[in-house]
Structure formats: structure tokens, C-alpha cells
């Protein structure tokens, strides 16, 4: 799945409005109980971000 990360006021500026892909295990996106999702950005960095700040492309 491909997403755009909107970020929030604590997000580093180079990550705002960047494309990212969800990291999957056994066909499902890796999400936590605290509504975060594990994603990899275009530059290769892996981050745990708030899922509600992601928009599907």
C-alpha cells in the first residue's frame, strides 16, 4: 500500500508530504494497538507513524 504522510507539529520537515509504503507481514500491514503503522519512506528510512496521519494514494 502506498501512502502520503501528512505529519504533525512534531514531525521533521523532510518527512512531511512524503510518499511511503506500509511494511507488511503475512499480507497485512504492521499496526500497533496505539494506532501506529510501520512504514518505509522513499529515502529508505523506516519509521513508526500515526496511522490517522496517512492518506492512501
PDB file of N, CA and C in Angstrom:
ATOM      1  N   UNK A   1       0.838  -1.179   0.000  1.00  0.00           N
ATOM      2  CA  UNK A   1       0.000   0.000   0.000  1.00  0.00           C
ATOM      3  C   UNK A   1       0.884   1.243   0.000  1.00  0.00           C
ATOM      4  N   UNK A   2       0.493   2.208  -0.762  1.00  0.00           N
ATOM      5  CA  UNK A   2       1.262   3.446  -0.852  1.00  0.00           C
ATOM      6  C   UNK A   2       0.459   4.584  -0.218  1.00  0.00           C
ATOM      7  N   UNK A   3       1.147   5.378   0.591  1.00  0.00           N
ATOM      8  CA  UNK A   3       0.512   6.453   1.345  1.00  0.00           C
ATOM      9  C   UNK A   3       1.304   7.742   1.215  1.00  0.00           C
ATOM     10  N   UNK A   4       0.633   8.850   1.563  1.00  0.00           N
ATOM     11  CA  UNK A   4       1.280  10.145   1.769  1.00  0.00           C
ATOM     12  C   UNK A   4       1.198  10.414   3.265  1.00  0.00           C
ATOM     13  N   UNK A   5       2.334  10.775   3.873  1.00  0.00           N
ATOM     14  CA  UNK A   5       2.353  11.074   5.303  1.00  0.00           C
ATOM     15  C   UNK A   5       2.192  12.571   5.490  1.00  0.00           C
ATOM     16  N   UNK A   6       1.136  12.996   6.177  1.00  0.00           N
ATOM     17  CA  UNK A   6       0.851  14.415   6.376  1.00  0.00           C
ATOM     18  C   UNK A   6       1.682  15.029   7.484  1.00  0.00           C
ATOM     19  N   UNK A   7       2.058  14.238   8.474  1.00  0.00           N
ATOM     20  CA  UNK A   7       2.860  14.751   9.583  1.00  0.00           C
ATOM     21  C   UNK A   7       2.021  15.533  10.581  1.00  0.00           C
ATOM     22  N   UNK A   8       2.681  16.007  11.633  1.00  0.00           N
ATOM     23  CA  UNK A   8       2.048  16.866  12.629  1.00  0.00           C
ATOM     24  C   UNK A   8       3.072  17.896  13.070  1.00  0.00           C
ATOM     25  N   UNK A   9       2.816  18.596  14.148  1.00  0.00           N
ATOM     26  CA  UNK A   9       3.717  19.687  14.540  1.00  0.00           C
ATOM     27  C   UNK A   9       5.064  19.197  15.062  1.00  0.00           C
ATOM     28  N   UNK A  10       5.181  17.920  15.425  1.00  0.00           N
ATOM     29  CA  UNK A  10       6.433  17.373  15.928  1.00  0.00           C
ATOM     30  C   UNK A  10       7.245  16.645  14.848  1.00  0.00           C
ATOM     31  N   UNK A  11       6.696  16.532  13.660  1.00  0.00           N
ATOM     32  CA  UNK A  11       7.340  15.797  12.573  1.00  0.00           C
ATOM     33  C   UNK A  11       8.479  16.610  11.975  1.00  0.00           C
ATOM     34  N   UNK A  12       9.567  15.929  11.651  1.00  0.00           N
ATOM     35  CA  UNK A  12      10.669  16.595  10.961  1.00  0.00           C
ATOM     36  C   UNK A  12      10.188  16.997   9.572  1.00  0.00           C
ATOM     37  N   UNK A  13      10.576  18.192   9.132  1.00  0.00           N
ATOM     38  CA  UNK A  13      10.031  18.765   7.909  1.00  0.00           C
ATOM     39  C   UNK A  13      10.302  17.935   6.658  1.00  0.00           C
ATOM     40  N   UNK A  14      11.398  17.212   6.601  1.00  0.00           N
ATOM     41  CA  UNK A  14      11.692  16.459   5.393  1.00  0.00           C
ATOM     42  C   UNK A  14      10.791  15.226   5.240  1.00  0.00           C
ATOM     43  N   UNK A  15      10.027  14.866   6.269  1.00  0.00           N
ATOM     44  CA  UNK A  15       9.106  13.738   6.175  1.00  0.00           C
ATOM     45  C   UNK A  15       7.683  14.155   5.814  1.00  0.00           C
ATOM     46  N   UNK A  16       7.360  15.430   5.939  1.00  0.00           N
ATOM     47  CA  UNK A  16       6.007  15.914   5.677  1.00  0.00           C
ATOM     48  C   UNK A  16       5.712  15.824   4.177  1.00  0.00           C
ATOM     49  N   UNK A  17       4.541  15.306   3.840  1.00  0.00           N
ATOM     50  CA  UNK A  17       4.065  15.134   2.461  1.00  0.00           C
ATOM     51  C   UNK A  17       4.952  14.227   1.621  1.00  0.00           C
ATOM     52  N   UNK A  18       5.606  13.264   2.246  1.00  0.00           N
ATOM     53  CA  UNK A  18       6.414  12.293   1.521  1.00  0.00           C
ATOM     54  C   UNK A  18       5.621  11.030   1.273  1.00  0.00           C
ATOM     55  N   UNK A  19       5.956  10.331   0.191  1.00  0.00           N
ATOM     56  CA  UNK A  19       5.345   9.031  -0.090  1.00  0.00           C
ATOM     57  C   UNK A  19       6.011   7.976   0.772  1.00  0.00           C
ATOM     58  N   UNK A  20       5.215   7.008   1.198  1.00  0.00           N
ATOM     59  CA  UNK A  20       5.752   5.895   1.975  1.00  0.00           C
ATOM     60  C   UNK A  20       4.949   4.641   1.660  1.00  0.00           C
ATOM     61  N   UNK A  21       5.544   3.509   1.943  1.00  0.00           N
ATOM     62  CA  UNK A  21       4.899   2.213   1.752  1.00  0.00           C
ATOM     63  C   UNK A  21       4.795   1.507   3.089  1.00  0.00           C
ATOM     64  N   UNK A  22       3.678   0.854   3.300  1.00  0.00           N
ATOM     65  CA  UNK A  22       3.481   0.096   4.529  1.00  0.00           C
ATOM     66  C   UNK A  22       4.334  -1.161   4.495  1.00  0.00           C
ATOM     67  N   UNK A  23       4.935  -1.496   5.627  1.00  0.00           N
ATOM     68  CA  UNK A  23       5.683  -2.744   5.757  1.00  0.00           C
ATOM     69  C   UNK A  23       4.684  -3.826   6.129  1.00  0.00           C
ATOM     70  N   UNK A  24       4.746  -4.940   5.413  1.00  0.00           N
ATOM     71  CA  UNK A  24       3.748  -5.992   5.605  1.00  0.00           C
ATOM     72  C   UNK A  24       4.374  -7.267   6.135  1.00  0.00           C
ATOM     73  N   UNK A  25       3.591  -7.987   6.901  1.00  0.00           N
ATOM     74  CA  UNK A  25       3.959  -9.315   7.372  1.00  0.00           C
ATOM     75  C   UNK A  25       2.758 -10.219   7.107  1.00  0.00           C
ATOM     76  N   UNK A  26       2.987 -11.286   6.374  1.00  0.00           N
ATOM     77  CA  UNK A  26       1.931 -12.241   6.008  1.00  0.00           C
ATOM     78  C   UNK A  26       0.752 -11.553   5.325  1.00  0.00           C
ATOM     79  N   UNK A  27       1.030 -10.556   4.497  1.00  0.00           N
ATOM     80  CA  UNK A  27      -0.006  -9.872   3.730  1.00  0.00           C
ATOM     81  C   UNK A  27      -0.732  -8.754   4.439  1.00  0.00           C
ATOM     82  N   UNK A  28      -0.437  -8.530   5.719  1.00  0.00           N
ATOM     83  CA  UNK A  28      -1.119  -7.474   6.479  1.00  0.00           C
ATOM     84  C   UNK A  28      -0.136  -6.394   6.894  1.00  0.00           C
ATOM     85  N   UNK A  29      -0.621  -5.158   6.947  1.00  0.00           N
ATOM     86  CA  UNK A  29       0.198  -4.042   7.420  1.00  0.00           C
ATOM     87  C   UNK A  29       0.487  -4.222   8.903  1.00  0.00           C
ATOM     88  N   UNK A  30       1.666  -3.807   9.321  1.00  0.00           N
ATOM     89  CA  UNK A  30       2.047  -3.926  10.727  1.00  0.00           C
ATOM     90  C   UNK A  30       1.537  -2.694  11.464  1.00  0.00           C
ATOM     91  N   UNK A  31       0.551  -2.902  12.344  1.00  0.00           N
ATOM     92  CA  UNK A  31      -0.044  -1.819  13.134  1.00  0.00           C
ATOM     93  C   UNK A  31       0.005  -2.197  14.597  1.00  0.00           C
ATOM     94  N   UNK A  32       0.041  -1.163  15.457  1.00  0.00           N
ATOM     95  CA  UNK A  32       0.061  -1.407  16.895  1.00  0.00           C
ATOM     96  C   UNK A  32      -1.301  -1.102  17.500  1.00  0.00           C
ATOM     97  N   UNK A  33      -1.410  -1.364  18.775  1.00  0.00           N
ATOM     98  CA  UNK A  33      -2.653  -1.062  19.491  1.00  0.00           C
ATOM     99  C   UNK A  33      -2.858   0.434  19.669  1.00  0.00           C
ATOM    100  N   UNK A  34      -1.781   1.210  19.524  1.00  0.00           N
ATOM    101  CA  UNK A  34      -1.870   2.662  19.717  1.00  0.00           C
ATOM    102  C   UNK A  34      -2.101   3.394  18.400  1.00  0.00           C
ATOM    103  N   UNK A  35      -2.594   2.692  17.385  1.00  0.00           N
ATOM    104  CA  UNK A  35      -2.924   3.256  16.078  1.00  0.00           C
ATOM    105  C   UNK A  35      -1.710   3.825  15.360  1.00  0.00           C
ATOM    106  N   UNK A  36      -0.597   3.113  15.418  1.00  0.00           N
ATOM    107  CA  UNK A  36       0.570   3.495  14.634  1.00  0.00           C
ATOM    108  C   UNK A  36       0.839   2.417  13.594  1.00  0.00           C
ATOM    109  N   UNK A  37       1.545   2.815  12.540  1.00  0.00           N
ATOM    110  CA  UNK A  37       1.838   1.887  11.462  1.00  0.00           C
ATOM    111  C   UNK A  37       3.317   1.978  11.111  1.00  0.00           C
ATOM    112  N   UNK A  38       3.909   0.848  10.811  1.00  0.00           N
ATOM    113  CA  UNK A  38       5.307   0.793  10.422  1.00  0.00           C
ATOM    114  C   UNK A  38       5.397   1.011   8.916  1.00  0.00           C
ATOM    115  N   UNK A  39       6.142   2.061   8.499  1.00  0.00           N
ATOM    116  CA  UNK A  39       6.253   2.409   7.082  1.00  0.00           C
ATOM    117  C   UNK A  39       7.710   2.643   6.716  1.00  0.00           C
ATOM    118  N   UNK A  40       7.994   2.530   5.427  1.00  0.00           N
ATOM    119  CA  UNK A  40       9.309   2.870   4.895  1.00  0.00           C
ATOM    120  C   UNK A  40       9.110   4.007   3.885  1.00  0.00           C
ATOM    121  N   UNK A  41       9.866   5.083   4.052  1.00  0.00           N
ATOM    122  CA  UNK A  41       9.769   6.238   3.176  1.00  0.00           C
ATOM    123  C   UNK A  41      10.604   6.029   1.926  1.00  0.00           C
ATOM    124  N   UNK A  42      10.446   6.921   0.940  1.00  0.00           N
ATOM    125  CA  UNK A  42      11.162   6.806  -0.328  1.00  0.00           C
ATOM    126  C   UNK A  42      12.677   6.838  -0.157  1.00  0.00           C
ATOM    127  N   UNK A  43      13.157   7.539   0.868  1.00  0.00           N
ATOM    128  CA  UNK A  43      14.603   7.634   1.073  1.00  0.00           C
ATOM    129  C   UNK A  43      15.155   6.419   1.815  1.00  0.00           C
ATOM    130  N   UNK A  44      14.304   5.438   2.139  1.00  0.00           N
ATOM    131  CA  UNK A  44      14.743   4.197   2.757  1.00  0.00           C
ATOM    132  C   UNK A  44      14.648   4.160   4.270  1.00  0.00           C
ATOM    133  N   UNK A  45      14.231   5.256   4.901  1.00  0.00           N
ATOM    134  CA  UNK A  45      14.106   5.299   6.362  1.00  0.00           C
ATOM    135  C   UNK A  45      12.830   4.581   6.805  1.00  0.00           C
ATOM    136  N   UNK A  46      12.946   3.829   7.881  1.00  0.00           N
ATOM    137  CA  UNK A  46      11.800   3.124   8.457  1.00  0.00           C
ATOM    138  C   UNK A  46      11.352   3.878   9.700  1.00  0.00           C
ATOM    139  N   UNK A  47      10.051   4.184   9.767  1.00  0.00           N
ATOM    140  CA  UNK A  47       9.501   4.929  10.896  1.00  0.00           C
ATOM    141  C   UNK A  47       8.189   4.309  11.336  1.00  0.00           C
ATOM    142  N   UNK A  48       7.857   4.535  12.583  1.00  0.00           N
ATOM    143  CA  UNK A  48       6.575   4.162  13.149  1.00  0.00           C
ATOM    144  C   UNK A  48       5.770   5.453  13.261  1.00  0.00           C
ATOM    145  N   UNK A  49       4.707   5.598  12.445  1.00  0.00           N
ATOM    146  CA  UNK A  49       3.965   6.859  12.369  1.00  0.00           C
ATOM    147  C   UNK A  49       2.509   6.642  12.751  1.00  0.00           C
ATOM    148  N   UNK A  50       1.837   7.727  13.096  1.00  0.00           N
ATOM    149  CA  UNK A  50       0.415   7.664  13.410  1.00  0.00           C
ATOM    150  C   UNK A  50      -0.372   7.335  12.143  1.00  0.00           C
ATOM    151  N   UNK A  51      -1.184   6.300  12.217  1.00  0.00           N
ATOM    152  CA  UNK A  51      -1.919   5.842  11.039  1.00  0.00           C
ATOM    153  C   UNK A  51      -2.953   6.863  10.591  1.00  0.00           C
ATOM    154  N   UNK A  52      -3.498   7.645  11.483  1.00  0.00           N
ATOM    155  CA  UNK A  52      -4.508   8.616  11.079  1.00  0.00           C
ATOM    156  C   UNK A  52      -3.925   9.788  10.311  1.00  0.00           C
ATOM    157  N   UNK A  53      -2.610   9.923  10.277  1.00  0.00           N
ATOM    158  CA  UNK A  53      -1.948  10.988   9.502  1.00  0.00           C
ATOM    159  C   UNK A  53      -1.495  10.491   8.130  1.00  0.00           C
ATOM    160  N   UNK A  54      -1.880   9.267   7.750  1.00  0.00           N
ATOM    161  CA  UNK A  54      -1.548   8.706   6.442  1.00  0.00           C
ATOM    162  C   UNK A  54      -2.769   8.802   5.531  1.00  0.00           C
ATOM    163  N   UNK A  55      -2.518   9.118   4.248  1.00  0.00           N
ATOM    164  CA  UNK A  55      -3.591   9.153   3.249  1.00  0.00           C
ATOM    165  C   UNK A  55      -3.218   8.215   2.121  1.00  0.00           C
ATOM    166  N   UNK A  56      -4.142   7.330   1.779  1.00  0.00           N
ATOM    167  CA  UNK A  56      -3.906   6.326   0.752  1.00  0.00           C
ATOM    168  C   UNK A  56      -3.864   6.984  -0.631  1.00  0.00           C
ATOM    169  N   UNK A  57      -2.927   6.540  -1.473  1.00  0.00           N
ATOM    170  CA  UNK A  57      -2.852   7.043  -2.846  1.00  0.00           C
ATOM    171  C   UNK A  57      -3.650   6.169  -3.786  1.00  0.00           C
TER     172      UNK A  57
END
